[in-house]
Amino acid sequence: MRAVDIIMAKREGRELSREELGFLINGFVAGTIPDYQVSAWAMAVFFRGMSPEETATLTELMLSSGGRMDLSGIPGPLVDKHSTGGVGDKTSLILAPLVASLGLRDPMMSGRALGHTGGTLDKLESIPGYRTGLSPAEFREILARDGFAMTGQTRDTVPADRLLYALRDVSATVESIPLITASILSKKKAEGAEALVLDVKYGSGAFMKDPAEAERLARSLVDTGAALGLRIIALLTNMDQPLGSMVGNFLEVEECYTCLDPALYDAARSADLMELTLELGARMLMLGGKAGNPEEGRRFCLEALAGGKPRELFLRNIESQGGDQKRFLAMLGTYRSPHRAEIPAREDGYISRIDARKIGQAGIGLGVGRNRSEDPVSPDVGLQLHKKAGALVQKGDPLMTAWGKDRESLKAAIPILEGAFEYAAAAPSPEKLVMKEIRYG
């Protein structure tokens, strides 16, 4: 068997067998098949696609390329959530302690910022002392005690995904639906989740710009996940404007904490963030057998938030993962870069649109995200939105505050941020945050 024959077969649109896919993936991990041949195969997959059977086989092969998290003996249900990524998308930080307070255990394996989308690990590491590089034993212990634990992918966990993703990022094949499906589900299965809620985003700030394309991805994820034995639901959600009011690392952690504290929560700033969190949390409770329907799940989530236990678990987890809880609380509202600029409205009218992708791209320059995996990020920079789409403004009204790593980064970001806001004479029609739910079958 030769790699070039496998590439040619996929280039011609043929369905690959388990033996062919296994030869390619196992050889790539072992170093016997060079990255340029795997890149060629990935491009062939990008254009030719894969059948559902091929996608499931690829996912299984990637999963078996390394070790899995051993969560045996930890009472479940073990339910996680995954987002395909966006700007200001921080629901994981609220969801984990929220569902843990209601009897679920959430084994959360997350990633870092890349491109215009944020990374959960970077946000958590903006908390002084917080460790995301947990050993398997630490992960088990914290998960069992707190009900959730937050860690990153290790070199031993699904190495095929780590290697393949690096190639996809530099070969323009990131958006391939079969490759996205195998990447997400191999990691989620490896972390030990029994059930999974997917937040599949579409719009300017998402990888999938078109709702129909996002729905195809959601269907692929749901069908493949079910074939792997996961209980799974996907929601199609809108990412045309940033989620919530904060975009950054510590800024987003701070907004999540205020959402968990009834005394600090500000609906004017974070209503869309909490709406999506409740929708996702309700489905997590359903898959975990704690709620019979979304309405009941939402009610349980709201009751838990009012009681304060999710906030307590959030703070406990900071200590469990090496963070300094007192320093974190003292930093709220004050931990900001000294390099600051205000973005005013350029004209009178209604804000008709806030381009999430432009906001995310400006954030990279400010120090929020990274263009390459080795780029550093800054914990104290980012953006605060004072107005959202639909707001009526007058010229000069403050729309946003930006904090940058230096004056030069701010100067470069300001025209991008100004261009992210569009205006209209009449109020725009409100867009639905959750467009559709997709289940197996």
Protein backbone atom coordinates (compact mmCIF):
# COMPACT_ATOMS: atom_id res chain seq x y z
CA MET A 1 0.00 0.00 0.00
CA ARG A 2 1.30 3.46 -0.92
CA ALA A 3 0.27 6.88 0.36
CA VAL A 4 0.26 8.29 -3.17
CA ASP A 5 -2.37 5.74 -4.24
CA ILE A 6 -4.56 6.74 -1.30
CA ILE A 7 -4.19 10.42 -2.24
CA MET A 8 -5.10 9.65 -5.85
CA ALA A 9 -8.14 7.61 -4.80
CA LYS A 10 -9.51 10.44 -2.69
CA ARG A 11 -8.63 12.97 -5.38
CA GLU A 12 -10.87 10.97 -7.73
CA GLY A 13 -13.66 10.90 -5.14
CA ARG A 14 -13.42 7.26 -4.08
CA GLU A 15 -14.45 6.21 -0.56
CA LEU A 16 -11.40 5.02 1.37
CA SER A 17 -11.40 1.77 3.32
CA ARG A 18 -10.53 1.41 6.99
CA GLU A 19 -7.24 -0.19 5.95
CA GLU A 20 -6.31 2.72 3.70
CA LEU A 21 -7.21 5.37 6.27
CA GLY A 22 -5.41 3.40 8.97
CA PHE A 23 -2.29 3.13 6.83
CA LEU A 24 -2.28 6.89 6.26
CA ILE A 25 -3.07 8.07 9.82
CA ASN A 26 -0.90 5.52 11.62
CA GLY A 27 1.97 6.21 9.25
CA PHE A 28 1.65 9.94 9.79
CA VAL A 29 1.79 9.57 13.58
CA ALA A 30 4.71 7.13 13.32
CA GLY A 31 6.61 9.48 11.01
CA THR A 32 6.78 7.06 8.07
CA ILE A 33 4.44 9.15 5.89
CA PRO A 34 5.63 12.74 5.33
CA ASP A 35 3.49 15.76 6.10
CA TYR A 36 3.40 16.90 2.47
CA GLN A 37 1.56 13.73 1.46
CA VAL A 38 -0.91 14.09 4.33
CA SER A 39 -1.44 17.73 3.32
CA ALA A 40 -2.23 16.57 -0.22
CA TRP A 41 -4.73 14.04 1.14
CA ALA A 42 -6.34 16.72 3.36
CA MET A 43 -6.80 19.00 0.34
CA ALA A 44 -8.38 16.10 -1.58
CA VAL A 45 -10.76 15.58 1.36
CA PHE A 46 -11.51 19.31 1.40
CA PHE A 47 -12.73 19.17 -2.21
CA ARG A 48 -14.12 15.62 -2.39
CA GLY A 49 -15.49 15.19 1.12
CA MET A 50 -15.95 11.92 2.98
CA SER A 51 -18.89 9.60 3.45
CA PRO A 52 -20.40 9.29 6.94
CA GLU A 53 -18.73 5.89 7.26
CA GLU A 54 -15.33 7.31 6.29
CA THR A 55 -15.72 10.18 8.75
CA ALA A 56 -16.60 7.79 11.59
CA THR A 57 -13.65 5.56 10.71
CA LEU A 58 -11.25 8.53 10.60
CA THR A 59 -12.53 9.67 14.01
CA GLU A 60 -12.00 6.20 15.51
CA LEU A 61 -8.48 5.96 14.07
CA MET A 62 -7.54 9.38 15.42
CA LEU A 63 -9.00 8.45 18.81
CA SER A 64 -6.97 5.25 18.94
CA SER A 65 -3.73 7.07 18.02
CA GLY A 66 -3.06 7.91 21.68
CA GLY A 67 -4.23 7.55 25.24
CA ARG A 68 -7.64 8.32 26.70
CA MET A 69 -8.58 9.92 30.00
CA ASP A 70 -9.48 7.14 32.45
CA LEU A 71 -12.54 8.37 34.35
CA SER A 72 -13.71 4.95 35.52
CA GLY A 73 -15.02 5.00 39.06
CA ILE A 74 -16.11 8.64 38.90
CA PRO A 75 -19.90 8.69 39.14
CA GLY A 76 -21.56 10.40 36.20
CA PRO A 77 -23.26 11.54 34.22
CA LEU A 78 -20.21 12.90 32.37
CA VAL A 79 -21.50 15.62 30.04
CA ASP A 80 -19.48 18.23 28.15
CA LYS A 81 -20.08 21.07 25.70
CA HIS A 82 -18.05 22.13 22.69
CA SER A 83 -18.22 25.29 20.60
CA THR A 84 -16.86 25.62 17.07
CA GLY A 85 -15.46 29.02 18.11
CA GLY A 86 -16.31 32.68 17.95
CA VAL A 87 -15.60 36.16 19.30
CA GLY A 88 -16.47 36.73 22.96
CA ASP A 89 -17.61 33.10 23.18
CA LYS A 90 -17.06 32.32 26.83
CA THR A 91 -20.02 30.11 27.77
CA SER A 92 -17.80 27.22 28.93
CA LEU A 93 -16.61 29.23 31.94
CA ILE A 94 -20.20 29.67 33.12
CA LEU A 95 -21.56 26.30 32.05
CA ALA A 96 -19.03 24.09 33.81
CA PRO A 97 -19.77 25.27 37.38
CA LEU A 98 -23.47 25.73 36.55
CA VAL A 99 -24.13 22.15 35.45
CA ALA A 100 -21.79 20.81 38.14
CA SER A 101 -24.00 22.50 40.74
CA LEU A 102 -26.92 20.49 39.34
CA GLY A 103 -25.30 17.07 39.57
CA LEU A 104 -23.44 16.68 36.28
CA ARG A 105 -19.68 16.20 35.93
CA ASP A 106 -18.04 18.10 33.12
CA PRO A 107 -14.61 16.82 31.97
CA MET A 108 -13.61 19.84 29.90
CA MET A 109 -10.60 19.60 27.57
CA SER A 110 -10.17 22.96 25.87
CA GLY A 111 -7.89 24.77 23.43
CA ARG A 112 -6.11 28.06 22.93
CA ALA A 113 -6.89 31.10 20.80
CA LEU A 114 -5.96 30.80 17.15
CA GLY A 115 -6.80 33.43 14.58
CA HIS A 116 -9.75 35.65 15.44
CA THR A 117 -11.40 33.15 17.83
CA GLY A 118 -10.67 33.05 21.55
CA GLY A 119 -9.29 30.15 23.58
CA THR A 120 -10.62 28.91 26.92
CA LEU A 121 -7.15 28.01 28.23
CA ASP A 122 -5.79 31.52 27.58
CA LYS A 123 -8.74 33.01 29.43
CA LEU A 124 -8.32 30.76 32.45
CA GLU A 125 -4.57 31.36 32.61
CA SER A 126 -5.23 35.10 33.01
CA ILE A 127 -6.21 34.19 36.59
CA PRO A 128 -3.01 34.41 38.70
CA GLY A 129 -1.56 30.94 39.29
CA TYR A 130 -4.28 29.02 37.43
CA ARG A 131 -2.91 25.79 35.88
CA THR A 132 -4.48 24.17 32.82
CA GLY A 133 -1.75 21.57 32.29
CA LEU A 134 -3.23 19.01 34.68
CA SER A 135 -1.91 15.47 34.98
CA PRO A 136 -4.51 12.71 34.47
CA ALA A 137 -4.51 12.06 38.22
CA GLU A 138 -5.09 15.74 39.02
CA PHE A 139 -7.84 15.95 36.41
CA ARG A 140 -9.63 12.95 37.95
CA GLU A 141 -9.29 14.28 41.48
CA ILE A 142 -10.60 17.77 40.67
CA LEU A 143 -13.42 16.43 38.50
CA ALA A 144 -14.56 14.10 41.27
CA ARG A 145 -14.39 16.81 43.95
CA ASP A 146 -15.59 19.95 42.16
CA GLY A 147 -17.80 18.43 39.47
CA PHE A 148 -15.70 19.89 36.65
CA ALA A 149 -12.06 20.30 35.68
CA MET A 150 -10.42 22.37 32.93
CA THR A 151 -7.38 21.06 31.09
CA GLY A 152 -5.61 21.18 27.75
CA GLN A 153 -4.81 18.47 25.25
CA THR A 154 -1.61 16.60 26.13
CA ARG A 155 0.93 15.22 23.66
CA ASP A 156 -0.37 11.72 24.41
CA THR A 157 -4.04 12.59 23.85
CA VAL A 158 -5.12 12.08 20.22
CA PRO A 159 -1.68 12.87 18.72
CA ALA A 160 -3.10 12.32 15.24
CA ASP A 161 -5.39 15.31 15.74
CA ARG A 162 -2.60 17.51 17.06
CA LEU A 163 -0.41 16.70 14.06
CA LEU A 164 -3.19 16.88 11.50
CA TYR A 165 -4.59 20.15 12.82
CA ALA A 166 -1.19 21.80 12.50
CA LEU A 167 -1.10 20.76 8.83
CA ARG A 168 -4.67 21.87 8.18
CA ASP A 169 -3.91 25.29 9.63
CA VAL A 170 -1.12 25.93 7.09
CA SER A 171 -2.68 24.13 4.11
CA ALA A 172 -6.05 25.99 3.94
CA THR A 173 -8.09 22.93 4.90
CA VAL A 174 -9.33 24.00 8.35
CA GLU A 175 -12.95 24.37 7.14
CA SER A 176 -13.29 20.77 5.86
CA ILE A 177 -16.42 19.35 7.52
CA PRO A 178 -15.18 15.73 7.80
CA LEU A 179 -11.83 16.86 9.21
CA ILE A 180 -13.50 19.23 11.69
CA THR A 181 -15.84 16.42 12.76
CA ALA A 182 -13.02 13.94 13.36
CA SER A 183 -10.93 16.54 15.20
CA ILE A 184 -13.68 17.59 17.62
CA LEU A 185 -15.14 14.18 18.37
CA SER A 186 -11.84 12.32 18.76
CA LYS A 187 -10.81 14.79 21.49
CA LYS A 188 -14.19 14.78 23.22
CA LYS A 189 -14.36 10.99 23.24
CA ALA A 190 -10.76 10.83 24.54
CA GLU A 191 -11.55 13.13 27.48
CA GLY A 192 -14.15 10.64 28.74
CA ALA A 193 -17.43 12.44 28.00
CA GLU A 194 -20.52 10.23 27.74
CA ALA A 195 -22.73 12.98 26.30
CA LEU A 196 -22.01 16.16 24.39
CA VAL A 197 -23.82 19.39 23.52
CA LEU A 198 -22.41 21.18 20.47
CA ASP A 199 -22.60 24.90 19.81
CA VAL A 200 -22.12 25.14 16.04
CA LYS A 201 -21.75 28.77 15.08
CA TYR A 202 -22.38 30.60 11.82
CA GLY A 203 -21.87 34.23 10.78
CA SER A 204 -19.05 36.72 10.34
CA GLY A 205 -17.22 35.70 13.54
CA ALA A 206 -17.49 31.94 12.94
CA PHE A 207 -15.50 29.55 10.76
CA MET A 208 -18.75 28.69 9.00
CA LYS A 209 -20.19 31.88 7.52
CA ASP A 210 -23.33 30.35 5.99
CA PRO A 211 -26.12 28.81 8.14
CA ALA A 212 -26.60 25.97 5.64
CA GLU A 213 -22.89 25.12 5.80
CA ALA A 214 -23.00 25.21 9.61
CA GLU A 215 -26.01 22.90 9.58
CA ARG A 216 -24.11 20.39 7.44
CA LEU A 217 -21.30 20.46 10.00
CA ALA A 218 -23.76 20.05 12.87
CA ARG A 219 -25.40 17.08 11.16
CA SER A 220 -22.01 15.47 10.53
CA LEU A 221 -21.02 15.95 14.18
CA VAL A 222 -24.30 14.60 15.53
CA ASP A 223 -24.42 11.55 13.25
CA THR A 224 -20.75 10.67 13.79
CA GLY A 225 -20.97 11.25 17.54
CA ALA A 226 -23.98 8.97 17.79
CA ALA A 227 -22.10 6.29 15.85
CA LEU A 228 -19.34 6.54 18.47
CA GLY A 229 -21.84 5.97 21.27
CA LEU A 230 -22.23 9.55 22.46
CA ARG A 231 -25.57 11.05 23.48
CA ILE A 232 -25.40 14.24 21.46
CA ILE A 233 -27.34 17.40 20.53
CA ALA A 234 -26.22 20.38 18.44
CA LEU A 235 -27.49 23.96 18.43
CA LEU A 236 -26.95 26.27 15.47
CA THR A 237 -26.17 29.71 16.90
CA ASN A 238 -25.53 33.19 15.51
CA MET A 239 -22.02 34.69 15.64
CA ASP A 240 -22.53 37.84 13.55
CA GLN A 241 -21.68 40.07 16.54
CA PRO A 242 -19.53 39.36 19.61
CA LEU A 243 -21.20 37.40 22.40
CA GLY A 244 -21.66 39.37 25.60
CA SER A 245 -19.91 42.68 26.22
CA MET A 246 -16.28 41.64 26.78
CA VAL A 247 -13.66 40.32 24.34
CA GLY A 248 -10.29 39.41 25.80
CA ASN A 249 -8.77 37.01 28.29
CA PHE A 250 -9.24 38.32 31.84
CA LEU A 251 -12.06 40.57 30.60
CA GLU A 252 -14.07 37.52 29.54
CA VAL A 253 -13.37 35.68 32.79
CA GLU A 254 -14.58 38.77 34.65
CA GLU A 255 -17.82 38.89 32.65
CA CYS A 256 -18.44 35.21 33.36
CA TYR A 257 -17.96 35.74 37.07
CA THR A 258 -20.47 38.60 37.07
CA CYS A 259 -22.97 36.29 35.31
CA LEU A 260 -22.55 33.75 38.13
CA ASP A 261 -23.10 36.36 40.86
CA PRO A 262 -26.73 37.59 41.08
CA ALA A 263 -25.54 40.78 42.79
CA LEU A 264 -23.21 41.65 39.87
CA TYR A 265 -25.10 40.38 36.83
CA ASP A 266 -26.01 43.12 34.36
CA ALA A 267 -28.58 42.01 31.77
CA ALA A 268 -27.93 45.11 29.68
CA ARG A 269 -24.37 43.90 29.12
CA SER A 270 -24.64 40.11 29.10
CA ALA A 271 -28.20 39.11 28.18
CA ASP A 272 -27.21 37.29 24.97
CA LEU A 273 -24.37 35.49 26.74
CA MET A 274 -26.71 34.23 29.46
CA GLU A 275 -29.43 33.31 26.97
CA LEU A 276 -27.07 31.03 25.06
CA THR A 277 -25.63 29.64 28.30
CA LEU A 278 -29.10 28.69 29.49
CA GLU A 279 -29.97 27.03 26.19
CA LEU A 280 -26.78 24.98 26.24
CA GLY A 281 -27.06 24.17 29.94
CA ALA A 282 -30.64 22.98 29.52
CA ARG A 283 -29.54 20.49 26.85
CA MET A 284 -26.63 19.29 28.99
CA LEU A 285 -29.07 18.56 31.81
CA MET A 286 -31.37 16.73 29.39
CA LEU A 287 -28.56 14.50 28.08
CA GLY A 288 -27.45 13.84 31.65
CA GLY A 289 -30.95 12.75 32.69
CA LYS A 290 -31.44 15.70 35.07
CA ALA A 291 -34.17 17.45 33.04
CA GLY A 292 -36.97 16.18 30.83
CA ASN A 293 -37.06 19.05 28.35
CA PRO A 294 -35.32 22.39 27.61
CA GLU A 295 -37.86 24.41 29.60
CA GLU A 296 -37.29 22.36 32.73
CA GLY A 297 -33.53 22.51 32.21
CA ARG A 298 -33.60 26.31 31.93
CA ARG A 299 -35.66 26.57 35.11
CA PHE A 300 -33.17 24.41 37.02
CA CYS A 301 -30.28 26.54 35.74
CA LEU A 302 -31.95 29.78 36.79
CA GLU A 303 -32.73 28.40 40.24
CA ALA A 304 -29.11 27.28 40.68
CA LEU A 305 -27.76 30.69 39.67
CA ALA A 306 -30.11 32.43 42.10
CA GLY A 307 -28.92 30.14 44.89
CA GLY A 308 -25.25 31.02 44.36
CA LYS A 309 -23.74 27.51 44.23
CA PRO A 310 -22.28 27.86 40.69
CA ARG A 311 -20.37 30.96 41.83
CA GLU A 312 -19.00 29.03 44.82
CA LEU A 313 -17.87 26.18 42.56
CA PHE A 314 -16.20 28.63 40.16
CA LEU A 315 -14.14 30.09 43.02
CA ARG A 316 -13.37 26.64 44.45
CA ASN A 317 -12.07 25.51 41.07
CA ILE A 318 -9.67 28.48 40.97
CA GLU A 319 -8.07 27.20 44.17
CA SER A 320 -8.20 23.56 42.99
CA GLN A 321 -6.21 24.41 39.86
CA GLY A 322 -3.57 26.50 41.64
CA GLY A 323 -5.13 29.93 41.23
CA ASP A 324 -5.24 32.73 43.78
CA GLN A 325 -8.90 33.37 44.58
CA LYS A 326 -8.29 36.53 46.63
CA ARG A 327 -6.13 38.12 43.95
CA PHE A 328 -8.70 37.24 41.31
CA LEU A 329 -11.48 38.98 43.24
CA ALA A 330 -9.30 42.02 43.86
CA MET A 331 -8.56 42.29 40.11
CA LEU A 332 -12.21 42.52 39.07
CA GLY A 333 -12.90 45.83 37.35
CA THR A 334 -9.29 46.99 37.60
CA TYR A 335 -7.03 44.56 35.73
CA ARG A 336 -6.62 46.48 32.50
CA SER A 337 -3.66 47.48 30.34
CA PRO A 338 -2.69 51.16 30.77
CA HIS A 339 -2.91 51.58 26.98
CA ARG A 340 -6.54 52.52 26.43
CA ALA A 341 -8.68 54.13 23.72
CA GLU A 342 -12.37 54.91 23.26
CA ILE A 343 -14.21 54.18 20.01
CA PRO A 344 -17.01 56.75 19.41
CA ALA A 345 -19.96 56.53 17.02
CA ARG A 346 -19.13 58.10 13.64
CA GLU A 347 -22.71 59.17 12.92
CA ASP A 348 -26.27 59.32 14.25
CA GLY A 349 -28.55 56.33 13.78
CA TYR A 350 -29.15 52.76 14.79
CA ILE A 351 -26.28 50.28 14.93
CA SER A 352 -27.35 47.87 12.22
CA ARG A 353 -24.40 45.49 12.50
CA ILE A 354 -21.22 44.81 14.48
CA ASP A 355 -18.87 42.67 12.43
CA ALA A 356 -17.59 40.03 14.84
CA ARG A 357 -14.74 38.98 12.57
CA LYS A 358 -13.34 42.53 12.42
CA ILE A 359 -13.58 42.76 16.21
CA GLY A 360 -11.71 39.47 16.51
CA GLN A 361 -9.06 40.50 14.01
CA ALA A 362 -8.48 43.78 15.84
CA GLY A 363 -8.17 41.78 19.05
CA ILE A 364 -5.27 39.77 17.63
CA GLY A 365 -3.24 42.93 17.17
CA LEU A 366 -4.16 44.18 20.63
CA GLY A 367 -2.78 40.96 22.13
CA VAL A 368 -6.00 38.99 22.79
CA GLY A 369 -5.31 36.22 20.28
CA ARG A 370 -2.60 34.79 18.07
CA ASN A 371 -1.85 34.23 14.40
CA ARG A 372 0.49 31.31 15.12
CA SER A 373 0.26 28.72 17.88
CA GLU A 374 3.57 29.92 19.39
CA ASP A 375 2.52 33.59 19.61
CA PRO A 376 2.08 34.98 23.17
CA VAL A 377 -1.17 36.55 24.36
CA SER A 378 -1.71 39.36 26.87
CA PRO A 379 -4.06 38.72 29.81
CA ASP A 380 -5.02 42.36 30.47
CA VAL A 381 -6.01 43.56 26.99
CA GLY A 382 -9.24 43.43 25.03
CA LEU A 383 -12.46 45.22 24.28
CA GLN A 384 -15.61 46.23 26.10
CA LEU A 385 -18.73 46.84 24.02
CA HIS A 386 -20.98 49.61 25.36
CA LYS A 387 -23.56 49.27 22.57
CA LYS A 388 -24.88 46.24 20.69
CA ALA A 389 -26.66 45.90 17.35
CA GLY A 390 -30.04 47.65 17.45
CA ALA A 391 -28.94 50.46 19.79
CA LEU A 392 -29.79 54.07 18.87
CA VAL A 393 -26.71 56.29 19.06
CA GLN A 394 -25.65 59.85 18.36
CA LYS A 395 -22.35 60.81 16.78
CA GLY A 396 -19.66 60.78 19.45
CA ASP A 397 -21.41 58.34 21.80
CA PRO A 398 -18.96 55.78 23.24
CA LEU A 399 -19.38 52.44 21.46
CA MET A 400 -16.41 50.55 22.80
CA THR A 401 -13.34 50.78 25.02
CA ALA A 402 -10.16 49.08 23.80
CA TRP A 403 -7.06 48.10 25.79
CA GLY A 404 -3.89 47.16 23.91
CA LYS A 405 -0.49 45.72 24.74
CA ASP A 406 1.10 49.02 23.65
CA ARG A 407 0.22 52.33 21.98
CA GLU A 408 1.14 51.05 18.53
CA SER A 409 -1.28 48.14 18.75
CA LEU A 410 -4.08 50.49 19.75
CA LYS A 411 -3.33 52.86 16.89
CA ALA A 412 -3.48 49.98 14.39
CA ALA A 413 -6.71 48.55 15.86
CA ILE A 414 -8.78 51.75 15.97
CA PRO A 415 -9.65 51.97 12.24
CA ILE A 416 -10.55 48.26 12.17
CA LEU A 417 -12.82 48.68 15.19
CA GLU A 418 -14.45 51.80 13.75
CA GLY A 419 -15.13 49.88 10.55
CA ALA A 420 -16.80 47.03 12.44
CA PHE A 421 -19.85 49.21 13.22
CA GLU A 422 -22.49 49.83 10.55
CA TYR A 423 -25.37 52.31 10.88
CA ALA A 424 -28.92 52.62 9.57
CA ALA A 425 -31.77 55.14 9.78
CA ALA A 426 -34.21 52.51 11.07
CA ALA A 427 -33.81 49.90 13.77
CA PRO A 428 -32.72 46.52 12.37
CA SER A 429 -34.86 43.44 12.88
CA PRO A 430 -33.52 41.41 15.80
CA GLU A 431 -31.76 38.20 14.79
CA LYS A 432 -32.36 34.90 16.54
CA LEU A 433 -29.46 33.78 18.72
CA VAL A 434 -30.34 30.07 18.45
CA MET A 435 -31.55 29.16 15.00
CA LYS A 436 -32.08 25.42 15.26
CA GLU A 437 -31.60 22.27 17.33
CA ILE A 438 -30.26 19.16 15.62
CA ARG A 439 -30.56 15.68 17.09
CA TYR A 440 -29.63 12.23 15.82
CA GLY A 441 -32.06 10.52 13.49
